Protein backbone atom coordinates (compact mmCIF):
# COMPACT_ATOMS: atom_id res chain seq x y z
CA UNK A 1 -14.69 -7.77 1.06
CA UNK A 2 -16.17 -8.05 -2.30
CA UNK A 3 -19.12 -5.61 -1.58
CA UNK A 4 -16.62 -3.20 0.08
CA UNK A 5 -14.75 -3.42 -3.25
CA UNK A 6 -17.79 -2.67 -5.74
CA UNK A 7 -18.90 0.24 -3.39
CA UNK A 8 -15.76 1.59 -3.35
CA UNK A 9 -15.85 1.29 -7.01
CA UNK A 10 -19.08 3.11 -7.38
CA UNK A 11 -17.92 5.69 -5.15
CA UNK A 12 -14.64 6.38 -7.29
CA UNK A 13 -16.47 6.50 -10.63
CA UNK A 14 -18.31 8.85 -8.79
CA UNK A 15 -15.44 10.69 -8.57
CA UNK A 16 -14.34 10.68 -11.93
CA UNK A 17 -17.73 11.71 -12.97
CA UNK A 18 -17.85 14.86 -11.03
CA UNK A 19 -14.25 15.44 -12.21
CA UNK A 20 -15.27 15.07 -15.87
CA UNK A 21 -18.08 17.58 -15.06
CA UNK A 22 -15.80 20.52 -13.86
CA UNK A 23 -18.86 20.52 -10.85
CA UNK A 24 -16.05 22.36 -8.79
CA UNK A 25 -16.20 19.84 -5.77
CA UNK A 26 -12.45 19.24 -6.01
CA UNK A 27 -11.58 22.97 -5.52
CA UNK A 28 -10.16 22.13 -1.94
CA UNK A 29 -7.86 19.79 -3.71
CA UNK A 30 -5.82 22.39 -5.49
CA UNK A 31 -5.15 24.23 -1.99
CA UNK A 32 -3.38 21.56 -0.77
CA UNK A 33 0.61 21.01 -2.28
CA UNK A 34 0.49 18.13 -4.38
CA UNK A 35 -3.06 17.49 -3.46
CA UNK A 36 -4.27 16.28 -6.90
CA UNK A 37 -1.36 13.82 -7.11
CA UNK A 38 -2.01 12.46 -3.43
CA UNK A 39 -5.68 12.09 -4.48
CA UNK A 40 -4.68 9.68 -7.22
CA UNK A 41 -2.21 7.86 -5.00
CA UNK A 42 -4.63 7.22 -2.46
CA UNK A 43 -7.78 6.71 -4.37
CA UNK A 44 -6.67 4.45 -6.81
CA UNK A 45 -4.37 2.53 -4.29
CA UNK A 46 -7.29 2.13 -2.25
CA UNK A 47 -9.12 0.48 -4.73
CA UNK A 48 -6.42 -1.91 -6.17
CA UNK A 49 -5.76 -2.81 -2.16
CA UNK A 50 -9.76 -3.80 -1.98
CA UNK A 51 -9.43 -5.09 -5.55
CA UNK A 52 -6.67 -7.47 -4.70
CA UNK A 53 -8.07 -8.74 -1.17
CA UNK A 54 -11.71 -9.24 -2.57
CA UNK A 55 -9.98 -11.58 -5.47
CA UNK A 56 -8.26 -13.23 -3.02
CA UNK A 57 -11.00 -13.80 -0.46
CA UNK A 58 -13.62 -14.88 -2.97
CA UNK A 59 -11.56 -17.33 -4.19
CA UNK A 60 -11.45 -15.99 -7.44
CA UNK A 61 -7.78 -16.00 -7.58
CA UNK A 62 -5.55 -18.26 -5.32
CA UNK A 63 -1.66 -17.11 -6.08
CA UNK A 64 0.39 -14.22 -6.29
CA UNK A 65 0.67 -14.31 -10.26
CA UNK A 66 -3.21 -14.26 -10.43
CA UNK A 67 -3.32 -11.46 -7.80
CA UNK A 68 -0.66 -9.57 -9.98
CA UNK A 69 -3.00 -10.20 -12.94
CA UNK A 70 -5.96 -8.37 -11.40
CA UNK A 71 -3.72 -5.70 -10.24
CA UNK A 72 -2.44 -5.29 -14.19
CA UNK A 73 -6.15 -5.36 -15.35
CA UNK A 74 -6.94 -2.74 -13.04
CA UNK A 75 -4.14 -0.48 -14.02
CA UNK A 76 -5.28 -0.89 -17.78
CA UNK A 77 -8.57 0.40 -16.89
CA UNK A 78 -6.90 3.24 -15.10
CA UNK A 79 -4.78 3.98 -17.65
CA UNK A 80 -7.78 3.76 -20.43
CA UNK A 81 -9.59 6.35 -18.13
CA UNK A 82 -6.66 8.88 -18.03
CA UNK A 83 -6.11 8.46 -21.55
CA UNK A 84 -9.66 9.36 -22.45
CA UNK A 85 -9.06 12.80 -20.89
CA UNK A 86 -7.48 14.14 -24.03
CA UNK A 87 -10.54 13.75 -25.96
CA UNK A 88 -12.66 15.57 -22.79
CA UNK A 89 -12.47 19.37 -23.35
CA UNK A 90 -12.93 19.44 -19.25
CA UNK A 91 -9.85 17.39 -18.56
CA UNK A 92 -6.14 17.24 -19.01
CA UNK A 93 -4.39 13.99 -19.58
CA UNK A 94 -1.25 14.12 -17.08
CA UNK A 95 1.49 11.52 -16.95
CA UNK A 96 2.11 12.66 -13.64
CA UNK A 97 -1.56 11.63 -12.85
CA UNK A 98 -0.68 8.36 -14.17
CA UNK A 99 2.59 7.88 -12.49
CA UNK A 100 0.84 8.11 -9.35
CA UNK A 101 -2.04 6.04 -10.11
CA UNK A 102 0.46 3.45 -10.98
CA UNK A 103 2.46 3.89 -7.40
CA UNK A 104 -1.01 3.75 -5.56
CA UNK A 105 -1.71 0.37 -7.65
CA UNK A 106 1.93 -0.81 -6.71
CA UNK A 107 2.03 0.30 -3.16
CA UNK A 108 -1.35 -0.58 -1.55
CA UNK A 109 -1.67 -3.55 -4.21
CA UNK A 110 2.12 -4.74 -1.80
CA UNK A 111 0.24 -4.08 1.52
CA UNK A 112 -2.58 -6.29 0.40
CA UNK A 113 0.06 -8.79 -0.87
CA UNK A 114 1.66 -9.03 2.38
CA UNK A 115 -1.45 -9.19 4.51
CA UNK A 116 -2.55 -12.15 2.40
CA UNK A 117 0.87 -13.84 2.96
CA UNK A 118 0.52 -13.24 6.66
CA UNK A 119 -2.85 -14.99 6.97
CA UNK A 120 -1.67 -17.99 4.99
CA UNK A 121 1.39 -18.47 7.48
CA UNK A 122 -0.51 -17.48 10.53
CA UNK A 123 -1.15 -20.80 12.63
CA UNK A 124 -4.83 -21.66 12.36
CA UNK A 125 -4.94 -24.19 15.05
CA UNK A 126 -5.22 -21.70 18.29
CA UNK A 127 -6.24 -23.97 20.84
CA UNK A 128 -3.08 -26.33 20.34
CA UNK A 129 -1.29 -22.99 21.64
CA UNK A 130 -3.42 -22.87 24.61
CA UNK A 131 -2.81 -26.49 26.02
C-alpha cells in the first residue's frame, strides 16, 4: 500500500508541475462543469485515502487519533501548495479549490477509516465458522 501511495504522490506532483507550467494539458477540465473542483476533490481525496491506508498498513499509526494527525499533516501540505500559487504568475489562488481539497481529504479519509474499522472488527478465524 505504501508504494501505491508513493506512486500516486509522484503522479500528483507531476499534475501540480504541469499545472504550474501552464502546459495546456488540462484544458479539457474547463469544459466539464465544475471540472476543476471535481479534480481537486478526487485527486486530493484519493491521496488522502492512500495516505491513511498506507500509514495504518505499515504500522506507523495504530489508532484513530494518529490517522487524523496524518490527514491533518497532508491538509497542511495541500494548504501550503494552494497558498504558494499566490506567488506564481501562471496560477491563481482559490479558496474554493482549497475547500474542495479539504472536502476530498475528509470524505476519502472517512472511507479509509471505515475500511480500517471494518477490517478490525471482522472475524479473523474463518475455519471456526466453517466447522
